[in-house]
C-alpha atoms as a PDB file:
ATOM      1  CA  MET A   1      15.261  37.818 101.055  1.00  0.00           C
ATOM      2  CA  THR A   2      14.630  38.512  97.549  1.00  0.00           C
ATOM      3  CA  THR A   3      11.590  40.247  96.210  1.00  0.00           C
ATOM      4  CA  ILE A   4      10.461  37.147  94.383  1.00  0.00           C
ATOM      5  CA  LYS A   5      10.479  35.190  97.611  1.00  0.00           C
ATOM      6  CA  LYS A   6       8.584  37.982  99.317  1.00  0.00           C
ATOM      7  CA  ILE A   7       6.007  37.976  96.532  1.00  0.00           C
ATOM      8  CA  MET A   8       5.779  34.162  96.702  1.00  0.00           C
ATOM      9  CA  TYR A   9       5.294  34.224 100.461  1.00  0.00           C
ATOM     10  CA  GLY A  10       2.740  37.005 100.071  1.00  0.00           C
ATOM     11  CA  LEU A  11       0.859  35.059  97.386  1.00  0.00           C
ATOM     12  CA  ALA A  12       1.081  31.853  99.450  1.00  0.00           C
ATOM     13  CA  GLY A  13      -0.211  33.786 102.471  1.00  0.00           C
ATOM     14  CA  LEU A  14      -3.055  35.213 100.371  1.00  0.00           C
ATOM     15  CA  LEU A  15      -3.812  31.726  99.068  1.00  0.00           C
ATOM     16  CA  ALA A  16      -3.808  30.308 102.613  1.00  0.00           C
ATOM     17  CA  PHE A  17      -5.941  33.235 103.805  1.00  0.00           C
ATOM     18  CA  SER A  18      -8.377  32.658 100.872  1.00  0.00           C
ATOM     19  CA  VAL A  19      -8.637  28.947 101.675  1.00  0.00           C
ATOM     20  CA  VAL A  20      -9.224  29.686 105.383  1.00  0.00           C
ATOM     21  CA  PHE A  21     -11.783  32.372 104.466  1.00  0.00           C
ATOM     22  CA  PHE A  22     -13.475  29.954 102.020  1.00  0.00           C
ATOM     23  CA  LEU A  23     -13.617  27.205 104.631  1.00  0.00           C
ATOM     24  CA  PHE A  24     -14.933  29.603 107.270  1.00  0.00           C
ATOM     25  CA  SER A  25     -17.613  31.051 104.964  1.00  0.00           C
ATOM     26  CA  PHE A  26     -18.586  27.537 103.766  1.00  0.00           C
ATOM     27  CA  GLY A  27     -18.910  26.344 107.377  1.00  0.00           C
ATOM     28  CA  TYR A  28     -20.871  29.453 108.321  1.00  0.00           C
ATOM     29  CA  THR A  29     -23.340  29.099 105.407  1.00  0.00           C
ATOM     30  CA  SER A  30     -23.688  25.370 106.102  1.00  0.00           C
ATOM     31  CA  LEU A  31     -24.401  26.127 109.742  1.00  0.00           C
ATOM     32  CA  GLU A  32     -26.905  28.807 108.687  1.00  0.00           C
ATOM     33  CA  SER A  33     -28.674  26.431 106.290  1.00  0.00           C
ATOM     34  CA  ILE A  34     -28.835  23.712 108.976  1.00  0.00           C
ATOM     35  CA  THR A  35     -30.228  26.265 111.408  1.00  0.00           C
ATOM     36  CA  ALA A  36     -32.740  27.453 108.788  1.00  0.00           C
ATOM     37  CA  GLN A  37     -33.819  23.867 108.058  1.00  0.00           C
ATOM     38  CA  SER A  38     -34.190  23.226 111.775  1.00  0.00           C
ATOM     39  CA  ALA A  39     -36.247  26.381 112.197  1.00  0.00           C
ATOM     40  CA  GLN A  40     -38.359  25.441 109.181  1.00  0.00           C
ATOM     41  CA  SER A  41     -38.994  21.947 110.560  1.00  0.00           C
ATOM     42  CA  ARG A  42     -39.943  23.437 113.942  1.00  0.00           C
ATOM     43  CA  LEU A  43     -42.263  25.857 112.135  1.00  0.00           C
ATOM     44  CA  GLU A  44     -43.924  22.950 110.280  1.00  0.00           C
ATOM     45  CA  GLU A  45     -44.334  21.040 113.549  1.00  0.00           C
ATOM     46  CA  THR A  46     -45.866  24.121 115.177  1.00  0.00           C
ATOM     47  CA  ARG A  47     -48.258  24.553 112.238  1.00  0.00           C
ATOM     48  CA  GLY A  48     -49.289  20.890 112.531  1.00  0.00           C
ATOM     49  CA  LYS A  49     -49.906  21.261 116.251  1.00  0.00           C
ATOM     50  CA  ALA A  50     -51.877  24.454 115.605  1.00  0.00           C
ATOM     51  CA  LYS A  51     -54.094  22.608 113.116  1.00  0.00           C
ATOM     52  CA  GLN A  52     -54.659  19.793 115.618  1.00  0.00           C
ATOM     53  CA  LEU A  53     -55.506  22.306 118.335  1.00  0.00           C
ATOM     54  CA  GLU A  54     -57.862  24.107 115.971  1.00  0.00           C
ATOM     55  CA  VAL A  55     -59.730  20.849 115.263  1.00  0.00           C
ATOM     56  CA  THR A  56     -59.833  20.041 118.982  1.00  0.00           C
ATOM     57  CA  SER A  57     -61.005  23.558 119.764  1.00  0.00           C
ATOM     58  CA  LYS A  58     -63.851  23.237 117.246  1.00  0.00           C
ATOM     59  CA  GLU A  59     -64.827  19.899 118.806  1.00  0.00           C
ATOM     60  CA  TRP A  60     -64.877  21.476 122.266  1.00  0.00           C
ATOM     61  CA  LEU A  61     -66.913  24.423 121.020  1.00  0.00           C
ATOM     62  CA  ASP A  62     -69.414  22.006 119.451  1.00  0.00           C
ATOM     63  CA  ILE A  63     -69.510  19.725 122.503  1.00  0.00           C
ATOM     64  CA  GLU A  64     -72.622  21.363 123.929  1.00  0.00           C
ATOM     65  CA  THR A  65     -74.670  20.774 120.790  1.00  0.00           C
ATOM     66  CA  SER A  66     -73.404  17.216 120.357  1.00  0.00           C
ATOM     67  CA  TYR A  67     -74.082  16.449 124.033  1.00  0.00           C
ATOM     68  CA  SER A  68     -77.597  17.857 123.883  1.00  0.00           C
ATOM     69  CA  GLY A  69     -78.253  15.769 120.766  1.00  0.00           C
ATOM     70  CA  PHE A  70     -76.883  12.668 122.490  1.00  0.00           C
ATOM     71  CA  LYS A  71     -78.911  13.389 125.610  1.00  0.00           C
ATOM     72  CA  ASP A  72     -82.113  13.859 123.614  1.00  0.00           C
ATOM     73  CA  LEU A  73     -81.544  10.626 121.712  1.00  0.00           C
ATOM     74  CA  TYR A  74     -80.213   8.288 124.383  1.00  0.00           C
ATOM     75  CA  LEU A  75     -80.634   9.608 127.911  1.00  0.00           C
ATOM     76  CA  MET A  76     -83.667  10.053 130.052  1.00  0.00           C
ATOM     77  CA  LYS A  77     -83.859  13.468 131.594  1.00  0.00           C
ATOM     78  CA  SER A  78     -82.229  13.381 135.003  1.00  0.00           C
ATOM     79  CA  ASP A  79     -84.906  15.528 136.656  1.00  0.00           C
ATOM     80  CA  VAL A  80     -87.603  13.014 135.621  1.00  0.00           C
ATOM     81  CA  TYR A  81     -85.538  10.149 137.034  1.00  0.00           C
ATOM     82  CA  SER A  82     -84.671  11.947 140.286  1.00  0.00           C
ATOM     83  CA  ARG A  83     -88.309  12.945 140.766  1.00  0.00           C
ATOM     84  CA  PHE A  84     -89.312   9.297 140.224  1.00  0.00           C
ATOM     85  CA  LYS A  85     -86.814   8.191 142.895  1.00  0.00           C
ATOM     86  CA  GLN A  86     -88.031  10.878 145.310  1.00  0.00           C
ATOM     87  CA  ASP A  87     -91.663   9.873 144.749  1.00  0.00           C
ATOM     88  CA  LEU A  88     -90.863   6.220 145.483  1.00  0.00           C
ATOM     89  CA  GLU A  89     -89.073   7.145 148.689  1.00  0.00           C
ATOM     90  CA  MET A  90     -91.933   9.478 149.651  1.00  0.00           C
ATOM     91  CA  LEU A  91     -94.473   6.674 149.107  1.00  0.00           C
ATOM     92  CA  ALA A  92     -92.415   4.394 151.348  1.00  0.00           C
ATOM     93  CA  ARG A  93     -92.251   7.058 154.097  1.00  0.00           C
ATOM     94  CA  LYS A  94     -95.954   7.928 153.724  1.00  0.00           C
ATOM     95  CA  ASN A  95     -96.976   4.299 154.177  1.00  0.00           C
ATOM     96  CA  ALA A  96     -94.525   3.781 157.062  1.00  0.00           C
ATOM     97  CA  VAL A  97     -92.604   1.071 155.230  1.00  0.00           C
ATOM     98  CA  ASN A  98     -89.357   0.734 157.156  1.00  0.00           C
ATOM     99  CA  ASN A  99     -85.853  -0.078 155.918  1.00  0.00           C
ATOM    100  CA  SER A 100     -86.761   0.499 152.280  1.00  0.00           C
ATOM    101  CA  ARG A 101     -83.744  -0.001 150.057  1.00  0.00           C
ATOM    102  CA  PHE A 102     -84.258   0.666 146.368  1.00  0.00           C
ATOM    103  CA  THR A 103     -81.931  -0.580 143.635  1.00  0.00           C
ATOM    104  CA  TYR A 104     -82.371   0.461 140.010  1.00  0.00           C
ATOM    105  CA  GLN A 105     -81.479  -1.117 136.668  1.00  0.00           C
ATOM    106  CA  TYR A 106     -81.929   0.659 133.347  1.00  0.00           C
ATOM    107  CA  LYS A 107     -82.542  -0.690 129.889  1.00  0.00           C
ATOM    108  CA  SER A 108     -83.379   1.183 126.716  1.00  0.00           C
ATOM    109  CA  ILE A 109     -86.134  -0.715 124.943  1.00  0.00           C
ATOM    110  CA  PHE A 110     -86.814   1.549 121.979  1.00  0.00           C
ATOM    111  CA  THR A 111     -85.164   4.787 120.963  1.00  0.00           C
ATOM    112  CA  ASP A 112     -87.598   6.761 123.107  1.00  0.00           C
ATOM    113  CA  VAL A 113     -88.651   4.257 125.808  1.00  0.00           C
ATOM    114  CA  VAL A 114     -86.589   3.385 128.884  1.00  0.00           C
ATOM    115  CA  LYS A 115     -87.415   0.530 131.260  1.00  0.00           C
ATOM    116  CA  ILE A 116     -86.306   0.892 134.865  1.00  0.00           C
ATOM    117  CA  THR A 117     -86.451  -2.221 137.022  1.00  0.00           C
ATOM    118  CA  VAL A 118     -86.708  -1.372 140.718  1.00  0.00           C
ATOM    119  CA  ASN A 119     -85.971  -3.908 143.449  1.00  0.00           C
ATOM    120  CA  THR A 120     -87.120  -2.972 146.932  1.00  0.00           C
ATOM    121  CA  GLN A 121     -86.382  -4.673 150.216  1.00  0.00           C
ATOM    122  CA  MET A 122     -88.649  -3.466 153.006  1.00  0.00           C
ATOM    123  CA  SER A 123     -90.176  -4.244 156.358  1.00  0.00           C
ATOM    124  CA  GLY A 124     -93.219  -2.971 158.201  1.00  0.00           C
ATOM    125  CA  ALA A 125     -96.768  -3.766 159.168  1.00  0.00           C
ATOM    126  CA  TYR A 126     -98.683  -5.859 156.664  1.00  0.00           C
ATOM    127  CA  GLU A 127    -101.339  -3.141 156.231  1.00  0.00           C
ATOM    128  CA  ASN A 128     -98.659  -0.527 155.485  1.00  0.00           C
ATOM    129  CA  ILE A 129     -96.956  -2.726 152.896  1.00  0.00           C
ATOM    130  CA  LYS A 130    -100.366  -3.468 151.346  1.00  0.00           C
ATOM    131  CA  ARG A 131    -101.089   0.288 151.046  1.00  0.00           C
ATOM    132  CA  PHE A 132     -97.606   0.857 149.617  1.00  0.00           C
ATOM    133  CA  ILE A 133     -98.226  -1.773 146.924  1.00  0.00           C
ATOM    134  CA  PHE A 134    -101.642  -0.243 146.164  1.00  0.00           C
ATOM    135  CA  ASP A 135    -100.063   3.213 145.797  1.00  0.00           C
ATOM    136  CA  LEU A 136     -97.418   1.747 143.478  1.00  0.00           C
ATOM    137  CA  GLU A 137    -100.089   0.179 141.263  1.00  0.00           C
ATOM    138  CA  ASN A 138    -101.758   3.584 140.876  1.00  0.00           C
ATOM    139  CA  PHE A 139     -98.499   5.527 140.501  1.00  0.00           C
ATOM    140  CA  LYS A 140     -98.720   7.695 137.379  1.00  0.00           C
ATOM    141  CA  ASP A 141     -98.369  11.252 138.563  1.00  0.00           C
ATOM    142  CA  GLN A 142     -95.424  12.104 136.315  1.00  0.00           C
ATOM    143  CA  GLU A 143     -96.013  13.075 132.729  1.00  0.00           C
ATOM    144  CA  LYS A 144     -93.159  10.861 131.512  1.00  0.00           C
ATOM    145  CA  THR A 145     -94.159   7.742 133.488  1.00  0.00           C
ATOM    146  CA  LYS A 146     -96.299   5.687 131.172  1.00  0.00           C
ATOM    147  CA  ILE A 147     -96.759   2.434 133.066  1.00  0.00           C
ATOM    148  CA  VAL A 148     -95.704   0.786 136.328  1.00  0.00           C
ATOM    149  CA  LEU A 149     -95.868  -3.018 136.552  1.00  0.00           C
ATOM    150  CA  ILE A 150     -95.339  -4.977 139.745  1.00  0.00           C
ATOM    151  CA  LYS A 151     -93.486  -8.134 138.759  1.00  0.00           C
ATOM    152  CA  LYS A 152     -92.805  -9.904 142.068  1.00  0.00           C
ATOM    153  CA  VAL A 153     -93.930  -9.593 145.673  1.00  0.00           C
ATOM    154  CA  LYS A 154     -92.415 -11.857 148.319  1.00  0.00           C
ATOM    155  CA  LEU A 155     -93.412 -11.321 151.949  1.00  0.00           C
ATOM    156  CA  GLU A 156     -92.379 -13.222 155.074  1.00  0.00           C
ATOM    157  CA  LYS A 157     -93.692 -12.751 158.584  1.00  0.00           C
ATOM    158  CA  MET A 158     -91.137 -11.649 161.132  1.00  0.00           C
ATOM    159  CA  LYS A 159     -90.978 -13.216 164.594  1.00  0.00           C
ATOM    160  CA  ASN A 160     -92.252 -10.158 166.436  1.00  0.00           C
ATOM    161  CA  GLY A 161     -95.955  -9.237 166.067  1.00  0.00           C
ATOM    162  CA  ASN A 162     -97.605  -8.389 162.800  1.00  0.00           C
ATOM    163  CA  MET A 163     -94.390  -7.131 161.188  1.00  0.00           C
ATOM    164  CA  VAL A 164     -93.588  -8.378 157.709  1.00  0.00           C
ATOM    165  CA  GLU A 165     -90.432  -8.156 155.676  1.00  0.00           C
ATOM    166  CA  GLY A 166     -90.251  -8.706 151.981  1.00  0.00           C
ATOM    167  CA  GLU A 167     -88.991  -7.983 148.538  1.00  0.00           C
ATOM    168  CA  LEU A 168     -90.823  -6.249 145.712  1.00  0.00           C
ATOM    169  CA  THR A 169     -89.763  -5.986 142.077  1.00  0.00           C
ATOM    170  CA  MET A 170     -91.423  -3.603 139.650  1.00  0.00           C
ATOM    171  CA  GLU A 171     -90.846  -2.144 136.225  1.00  0.00           C
ATOM    172  CA  ALA A 172     -91.494   1.456 135.263  1.00  0.00           C
ATOM    173  CA  TYR A 173     -91.563   2.565 131.633  1.00  0.00           C
ATOM    174  CA  PHE A 174     -90.622   6.115 130.725  1.00  0.00           C
ATOM    175  CA  VAL A 175     -90.802   8.037 127.483  1.00  0.00           C
ATOM    176  CA  LYS A 176     -87.883  10.359 126.752  1.00  0.00           C
END
């Protein structure tokens, strides 16, 4: 082999090595840029999620104040309502009115007035039911109870003795 052929093969080898090195470095930088773009897009997604979580976190931290505002504007205090229910049940027990079942319906009339319609099915002696109705008419021992109206009384005599069964509907108005 002549020196010129050796030089030509050497230069061709260097050229082939340069092309392979160029292709390898181009592929490597392309892969790096794709990886960097992928990492950057993941970083942007993470930042977006962090902003959403920050907004949600602020909403959860402010939930107590927004709930107390909502409760003051729209809801009757639960202790007033539960005390009202307990007082009705106590009146029924005190007057020996048996099988008293109370059902309640709520309606907000004004921003600070709530109407509760109470339906009662009961049985007992006529005198006991009469005393129960009298106690209901004079029921105003809570500071939030403004008025109690008896809307309907329907009594029917039972077959045994002086026992009476009936239905009573009343409305109670509360101020929040």
